Amino acid sequence: MPFTLSPPEVATPISPCVGTCCMGADGLCVGCRRTLAEIARWSGMDDDERRRWIREVQPLRPPPARP
């Protein structure tokens, strides 16, 4: 039986957390650009919800403001 790799969409998405956990004045984490509600809900989201957030929501978030 040949060895095949699963497509990337099959793998469980990792967290968008980059270890810079600080909420900005805009209500978004300066590292991952999630709201507190999204951060709290992340562990309860299913894989499809996580993929959708990473693919559709995160790219729409503005970059953090420069000090």
PDB file of N, CA and C in Angstrom:
ATOM      1  N   MET A   1       0.845  -1.174   0.000  1.00  0.00           N
ATOM      2  CA  MET A   1       0.000   0.000   0.000  1.00  0.00           C
ATOM      3  C   MET A   1       0.895   1.243   0.000  1.00  0.00           C
ATOM      4  N   PRO A   2       0.702   2.174  -0.940  1.00  0.00           N
ATOM      5  CA  PRO A   2       1.549   3.365  -1.002  1.00  0.00           C
ATOM      6  C   PRO A   2       1.227   4.332   0.135  1.00  0.00           C
ATOM      7  N   PHE A   3       2.252   5.035   0.544  1.00  0.00           N
ATOM      8  CA  PHE A   3       2.102   6.042   1.592  1.00  0.00           C
ATOM      9  C   PHE A   3       1.628   7.344   0.962  1.00  0.00           C
ATOM     10  N   THR A   4       0.587   7.939   1.527  1.00  0.00           N
ATOM     11  CA  THR A   4       0.106   9.230   1.018  1.00  0.00           C
ATOM     12  C   THR A   4      -0.043  10.193   2.178  1.00  0.00           C
ATOM     13  N   LEU A   5       0.191  11.446   1.894  1.00  0.00           N
ATOM     14  CA  LEU A   5       0.018  12.481   2.901  1.00  0.00           C
ATOM     15  C   LEU A   5      -1.398  13.016   2.846  1.00  0.00           C
ATOM     16  N   SER A   6      -1.930  13.356   3.994  1.00  0.00           N
ATOM     17  CA  SER A   6      -3.250  13.966   4.039  1.00  0.00           C
ATOM     18  C   SER A   6      -3.138  15.405   3.560  1.00  0.00           C
ATOM     19  N   PRO A   7      -4.185  15.903   2.905  1.00  0.00           N
ATOM     20  CA  PRO A   7      -4.154  17.316   2.506  1.00  0.00           C
ATOM     21  C   PRO A   7      -4.100  18.206   3.737  1.00  0.00           C
ATOM     22  N   PRO A   8      -3.511  19.391   3.638  1.00  0.00           N
ATOM     23  CA  PRO A   8      -3.397  20.284   4.792  1.00  0.00           C
ATOM     24  C   PRO A   8      -4.735  20.617   5.434  1.00  0.00           C
ATOM     25  N   GLU A   9      -5.807  20.665   4.667  1.00  0.00           N
ATOM     26  CA  GLU A   9      -7.124  20.988   5.215  1.00  0.00           C
ATOM     27  C   GLU A   9      -7.596  19.947   6.223  1.00  0.00           C
ATOM     28  N   VAL A  10      -7.040  18.752   6.172  1.00  0.00           N
ATOM     29  CA  VAL A  10      -7.468  17.684   7.072  1.00  0.00           C
ATOM     30  C   VAL A  10      -6.866  17.871   8.463  1.00  0.00           C
ATOM     31  N   ALA A  11      -5.692  18.437   8.529  1.00  0.00           N
ATOM     32  CA  ALA A  11      -5.012  18.614   9.809  1.00  0.00           C
ATOM     33  C   ALA A  11      -5.763  19.613  10.686  1.00  0.00           C
ATOM     34  N   THR A  12      -5.706  19.399  11.989  1.00  0.00           N
ATOM     35  CA  THR A  12      -6.322  20.331  12.918  1.00  0.00           C
ATOM     36  C   THR A  12      -5.565  21.649  12.877  1.00  0.00           C
ATOM     37  N   PRO A  13      -6.291  22.752  12.668  1.00  0.00           N
ATOM     38  CA  PRO A  13      -5.596  24.038  12.607  1.00  0.00           C
ATOM     39  C   PRO A  13      -4.992  24.407  13.960  1.00  0.00           C
ATOM     40  N   ILE A  14      -3.820  24.978  13.906  1.00  0.00           N
ATOM     41  CA  ILE A  14      -3.200  25.434  15.140  1.00  0.00           C
ATOM     42  C   ILE A  14      -3.786  26.783  15.506  1.00  0.00           C
ATOM     43  N   SER A  15      -3.492  27.239  16.676  1.00  0.00           N
ATOM     44  CA  SER A  15      -3.961  28.543  17.118  1.00  0.00           C
ATOM     45  C   SER A  15      -3.200  29.643  16.388  1.00  0.00           C
ATOM     46  N   PRO A  16      -3.867  30.760  16.101  1.00  0.00           N
ATOM     47  CA  PRO A  16      -3.164  31.880  15.484  1.00  0.00           C
ATOM     48  C   PRO A  16      -2.318  32.665  16.494  1.00  0.00           C
ATOM     49  N   CYS A  17      -2.306  32.228  17.745  1.00  0.00           N
ATOM     50  CA  CYS A  17      -1.538  32.906  18.790  1.00  0.00           C
ATOM     51  C   CYS A  17      -0.055  32.907  18.422  1.00  0.00           C
ATOM     52  N   VAL A  18       0.573  34.073  18.571  1.00  0.00           N
ATOM     53  CA  VAL A  18       2.007  34.199  18.295  1.00  0.00           C
ATOM     54  C   VAL A  18       2.789  34.528  19.562  1.00  0.00           C
ATOM     55  N   GLY A  19       2.111  34.441  20.708  1.00  0.00           N
ATOM     56  CA  GLY A  19       2.791  34.656  21.976  1.00  0.00           C
ATOM     57  C   GLY A  19       2.940  36.114  22.377  1.00  0.00           C
ATOM     58  N   THR A  20       2.303  37.006  21.660  1.00  0.00           N
ATOM     59  CA  THR A  20       2.314  38.426  22.011  1.00  0.00           C
ATOM     60  C   THR A  20       0.914  38.771  22.482  1.00  0.00           C
ATOM     61  N   CYS A  21       0.614  38.355  23.689  1.00  0.00           N
ATOM     62  CA  CYS A  21      -0.749  38.451  24.204  1.00  0.00           C
ATOM     63  C   CYS A  21      -0.952  39.746  24.983  1.00  0.00           C
ATOM     64  N   CYS A  22      -1.503  40.715  24.288  1.00  0.00           N
ATOM     65  CA  CYS A  22      -1.780  42.011  24.890  1.00  0.00           C
ATOM     66  C   CYS A  22      -2.918  42.636  24.103  1.00  0.00           C
ATOM     67  N   MET A  23      -3.964  43.047  24.794  1.00  0.00           N
ATOM     68  CA  MET A  23      -5.093  43.641  24.102  1.00  0.00           C
ATOM     69  C   MET A  23      -4.808  45.104  23.787  1.00  0.00           C
ATOM     70  N   GLY A  24      -5.046  45.484  22.541  1.00  0.00           N
ATOM     71  CA  GLY A  24      -4.849  46.856  22.107  1.00  0.00           C
ATOM     72  C   GLY A  24      -6.083  47.698  22.376  1.00  0.00           C
ATOM     73  N   ALA A  25      -5.954  48.978  22.179  1.00  0.00           N
ATOM     74  CA  ALA A  25      -7.066  49.909  22.390  1.00  0.00           C
ATOM     75  C   ALA A  25      -8.230  49.609  21.443  1.00  0.00           C
ATOM     76  N   ASP A  26      -7.945  48.930  20.338  1.00  0.00           N
ATOM     77  CA  ASP A  26      -8.998  48.589  19.375  1.00  0.00           C
ATOM     78  C   ASP A  26      -9.776  47.340  19.767  1.00  0.00           C
ATOM     79  N   GLY A  27      -9.420  46.724  20.917  1.00  0.00           N
ATOM     80  CA  GLY A  27     -10.118  45.532  21.383  1.00  0.00           C
ATOM     81  C   GLY A  27      -9.624  44.245  20.761  1.00  0.00           C
ATOM     82  N   LEU A  28      -8.513  44.317  20.034  1.00  0.00           N
ATOM     83  CA  LEU A  28      -7.921  43.135  19.407  1.00  0.00           C
ATOM     84  C   LEU A  28      -6.563  42.851  20.021  1.00  0.00           C
ATOM     85  N   CYS A  29      -6.225  41.568  20.120  1.00  0.00           N
ATOM     86  CA  CYS A  29      -4.899  41.186  20.580  1.00  0.00           C
ATOM     87  C   CYS A  29      -3.875  41.726  19.588  1.00  0.00           C
ATOM     88  N   VAL A  30      -2.805  42.320  20.088  1.00  0.00           N
ATOM     89  CA  VAL A  30      -1.795  42.884  19.186  1.00  0.00           C
ATOM     90  C   VAL A  30      -1.019  41.803  18.435  1.00  0.00           C
ATOM     91  N   GLY A  31      -1.051  40.574  18.924  1.00  0.00           N
ATOM     92  CA  GLY A  31      -0.339  39.483  18.254  1.00  0.00           C
ATOM     93  C   GLY A  31      -1.185  38.767  17.215  1.00  0.00           C
ATOM     94  N   CYS A  32      -2.299  38.189  17.634  1.00  0.00           N
ATOM     95  CA  CYS A  32      -3.102  37.358  16.719  1.00  0.00           C
ATOM     96  C   CYS A  32      -4.293  38.089  16.116  1.00  0.00           C
ATOM     97  N   ARG A  33      -4.611  39.279  16.621  1.00  0.00           N
ATOM     98  CA  ARG A  33      -5.699  40.119  16.119  1.00  0.00           C
ATOM     99  C   ARG A  33      -7.083  39.523  16.364  1.00  0.00           C
ATOM    100  N   ARG A  34      -7.189  38.696  17.432  1.00  0.00           N
ATOM    101  CA  ARG A  34      -8.494  38.176  17.836  1.00  0.00           C
ATOM    102  C   ARG A  34      -9.052  39.025  18.964  1.00  0.00           C
ATOM    103  N   THR A  35     -10.383  38.995  19.109  1.00  0.00           N
ATOM    104  CA  THR A  35     -11.031  39.634  20.246  1.00  0.00           C
ATOM    105  C   THR A  35     -10.920  38.701  21.447  1.00  0.00           C
ATOM    106  N   LEU A  36     -11.206  39.229  22.631  1.00  0.00           N
ATOM    107  CA  LEU A  36     -11.210  38.368  23.824  1.00  0.00           C
ATOM    108  C   LEU A  36     -12.228  37.246  23.676  1.00  0.00           C
ATOM    109  N   ALA A  37     -13.377  37.551  23.107  1.00  0.00           N
ATOM    110  CA  ALA A  37     -14.407  36.524  22.907  1.00  0.00           C
ATOM    111  C   ALA A  37     -13.914  35.423  21.973  1.00  0.00           C
ATOM    112  N   GLU A  38     -13.202  35.803  20.908  1.00  0.00           N
ATOM    113  CA  GLU A  38     -12.670  34.802  19.977  1.00  0.00           C
ATOM    114  C   GLU A  38     -11.582  33.963  20.634  1.00  0.00           C
ATOM    115  N   ILE A  39     -10.749  34.583  21.431  1.00  0.00           N
ATOM    116  CA  ILE A  39      -9.700  33.848  22.146  1.00  0.00           C
ATOM    117  C   ILE A  39     -10.328  32.845  23.104  1.00  0.00           C
ATOM    118  N   ALA A  40     -11.326  33.289  23.848  1.00  0.00           N
ATOM    119  CA  ALA A  40     -11.993  32.408  24.819  1.00  0.00           C
ATOM    120  C   ALA A  40     -12.728  31.263  24.125  1.00  0.00           C
ATOM    121  N   ARG A  41     -13.284  31.532  22.984  1.00  0.00           N
ATOM    122  CA  ARG A  41     -14.077  30.531  22.266  1.00  0.00           C
ATOM    123  C   ARG A  41     -13.216  29.560  21.454  1.00  0.00           C
ATOM    124  N   TRP A  42     -11.974  29.901  21.166  1.00  0.00           N
ATOM    125  CA  TRP A  42     -11.126  29.118  20.260  1.00  0.00           C
ATOM    126  C   TRP A  42     -11.086  27.639  20.614  1.00  0.00           C
ATOM    127  N   SER A  43     -10.884  27.317  21.872  1.00  0.00           N
ATOM    128  CA  SER A  43     -10.748  25.902  22.253  1.00  0.00           C
ATOM    129  C   SER A  43     -12.050  25.122  22.060  1.00  0.00           C
ATOM    130  N   GLY A  44     -13.174  25.810  22.006  1.00  0.00           N
ATOM    131  CA  GLY A  44     -14.454  25.143  21.796  1.00  0.00           C
ATOM    132  C   GLY A  44     -14.899  25.109  20.341  1.00  0.00           C
ATOM    133  N   MET A  45     -14.140  25.763  19.462  1.00  0.00           N
ATOM    134  CA  MET A  45     -14.499  25.784  18.043  1.00  0.00           C
ATOM    135  C   MET A  45     -14.114  24.460  17.395  1.00  0.00           C
ATOM    136  N   ASP A  46     -14.921  24.021  16.440  1.00  0.00           N
ATOM    137  CA  ASP A  46     -14.520  22.816  15.723  1.00  0.00           C
ATOM    138  C   ASP A  46     -13.514  23.209  14.637  1.00  0.00           C
ATOM    139  N   ASP A  47     -12.900  22.218  14.015  1.00  0.00           N
ATOM    140  CA  ASP A  47     -11.839  22.476  13.040  1.00  0.00           C
ATOM    141  C   ASP A  47     -12.312  23.341  11.881  1.00  0.00           C
ATOM    142  N   ASP A  48     -13.533  23.122  11.411  1.00  0.00           N
ATOM    143  CA  ASP A  48     -14.047  23.924  10.300  1.00  0.00           C
ATOM    144  C   ASP A  48     -14.187  25.389  10.691  1.00  0.00           C
ATOM    145  N   GLU A  49     -14.664  25.649  11.908  1.00  0.00           N
ATOM    146  CA  GLU A  49     -14.783  27.028  12.376  1.00  0.00           C
ATOM    147  C   GLU A  49     -13.410  27.683  12.482  1.00  0.00           C
ATOM    148  N   ARG A  50     -12.432  26.947  12.979  1.00  0.00           N
ATOM    149  CA  ARG A  50     -11.075  27.491  13.099  1.00  0.00           C
ATOM    150  C   ARG A  50     -10.489  27.805  11.729  1.00  0.00           C
ATOM    151  N   ARG A  51     -10.637  26.878  10.792  1.00  0.00           N
ATOM    152  CA  ARG A  51     -10.125  27.107   9.438  1.00  0.00           C
ATOM    153  C   ARG A  51     -10.797  28.326   8.802  1.00  0.00           C
ATOM    154  N   ARG A  52     -12.113  28.442   8.985  1.00  0.00           N
ATOM    155  CA  ARG A  52     -12.839  29.569   8.417  1.00  0.00           C
ATOM    156  C   ARG A  52     -12.323  30.872   9.004  1.00  0.00           C
ATOM    157  N   TRP A  53     -12.088  30.911  10.325  1.00  0.00           N
ATOM    158  CA  TRP A  53     -11.591  32.133  10.965  1.00  0.00           C
ATOM    159  C   TRP A  53     -10.215  32.499  10.396  1.00  0.00           C
ATOM    160  N   ILE A  54      -9.329  31.521  10.312  1.00  0.00           N
ATOM    161  CA  ILE A  54      -7.979  31.770   9.810  1.00  0.00           C
ATOM    162  C   ILE A  54      -8.018  32.218   8.341  1.00  0.00           C
ATOM    163  N   ARG A  55      -8.869  31.612   7.562  1.00  0.00           N
ATOM    164  CA  ARG A  55      -8.934  31.891   6.128  1.00  0.00           C
ATOM    165  C   ARG A  55      -9.720  33.169   5.805  1.00  0.00           C
ATOM    166  N   GLU A  56     -10.818  33.428   6.524  1.00  0.00           N
ATOM    167  CA  GLU A  56     -11.724  34.508   6.143  1.00  0.00           C
ATOM    168  C   GLU A  56     -11.718  35.721   7.063  1.00  0.00           C
ATOM    169  N   VAL A  57     -11.543  35.511   8.353  1.00  0.00           N
ATOM    170  CA  VAL A  57     -11.648  36.630   9.299  1.00  0.00           C
ATOM    171  C   VAL A  57     -10.297  37.289   9.556  1.00  0.00           C
ATOM    172  N   GLN A  58      -9.295  36.500   9.895  1.00  0.00           N
ATOM    173  CA  GLN A  58      -7.990  37.068  10.247  1.00  0.00           C
ATOM    174  C   GLN A  58      -7.420  37.990   9.166  1.00  0.00           C
ATOM    175  N   PRO A  59      -7.508  37.636   7.880  1.00  0.00           N
ATOM    176  CA  PRO A  59      -6.945  38.537   6.865  1.00  0.00           C
ATOM    177  C   PRO A  59      -7.634  39.907   6.799  1.00  0.00           C
ATOM    178  N   LEU A  60      -8.856  40.004   7.295  1.00  0.00           N
ATOM    179  CA  LEU A  60      -9.588  41.270   7.252  1.00  0.00           C
ATOM    180  C   LEU A  60      -9.260  42.191   8.424  1.00  0.00           C
ATOM    181  N   ARG A  61      -8.583  41.665   9.422  1.00  0.00           N
ATOM    182  CA  ARG A  61      -8.257  42.465  10.603  1.00  0.00           C
ATOM    183  C   ARG A  61      -7.145  43.454  10.286  1.00  0.00           C
ATOM    184  N   PRO A  62      -7.288  44.682  10.770  1.00  0.00           N
ATOM    185  CA  PRO A  62      -6.242  45.670  10.515  1.00  0.00           C
ATOM    186  C   PRO A  62      -4.969  45.306  11.284  1.00  0.00           C
ATOM    187  N   PRO A  63      -3.821  45.724  10.773  1.00  0.00           N
ATOM    188  CA  PRO A  63      -2.578  45.479  11.524  1.00  0.00           C
ATOM    189  C   PRO A  63      -2.593  46.292  12.805  1.00  0.00           C
ATOM    190  N   PRO A  64      -1.827  45.876  13.800  1.00  0.00           N
ATOM    191  CA  PRO A  64      -1.800  46.640  15.054  1.00  0.00           C
ATOM    192  C   PRO A  64      -1.266  48.047  14.819  1.00  0.00           C
ATOM    193  N   ALA A  65      -1.780  48.994  15.606  1.00  0.00           N
ATOM    194  CA  ALA A  65      -1.320  50.382  15.519  1.00  0.00           C
ATOM    195  C   ALA A  65       0.119  50.462  16.013  1.00  0.00           C
ATOM    196  N   ARG A  66       0.892  51.278  15.394  1.00  0.00           N
ATOM    197  CA  ARG A  66       2.280  51.494  15.824  1.00  0.00           C
ATOM    198  C   ARG A  66       2.286  52.476  16.982  1.00  0.00           C
ATOM    199  N   PRO A  67       3.119  52.231  17.991  1.00  0.00           N
ATOM    200  CA  PRO A  67       3.174  53.168  19.138  1.00  0.00           C
ATOM    201  C   PRO A  67       3.759  54.506  18.756  1.00  0.00           C
TER     202      PRO A  67
END
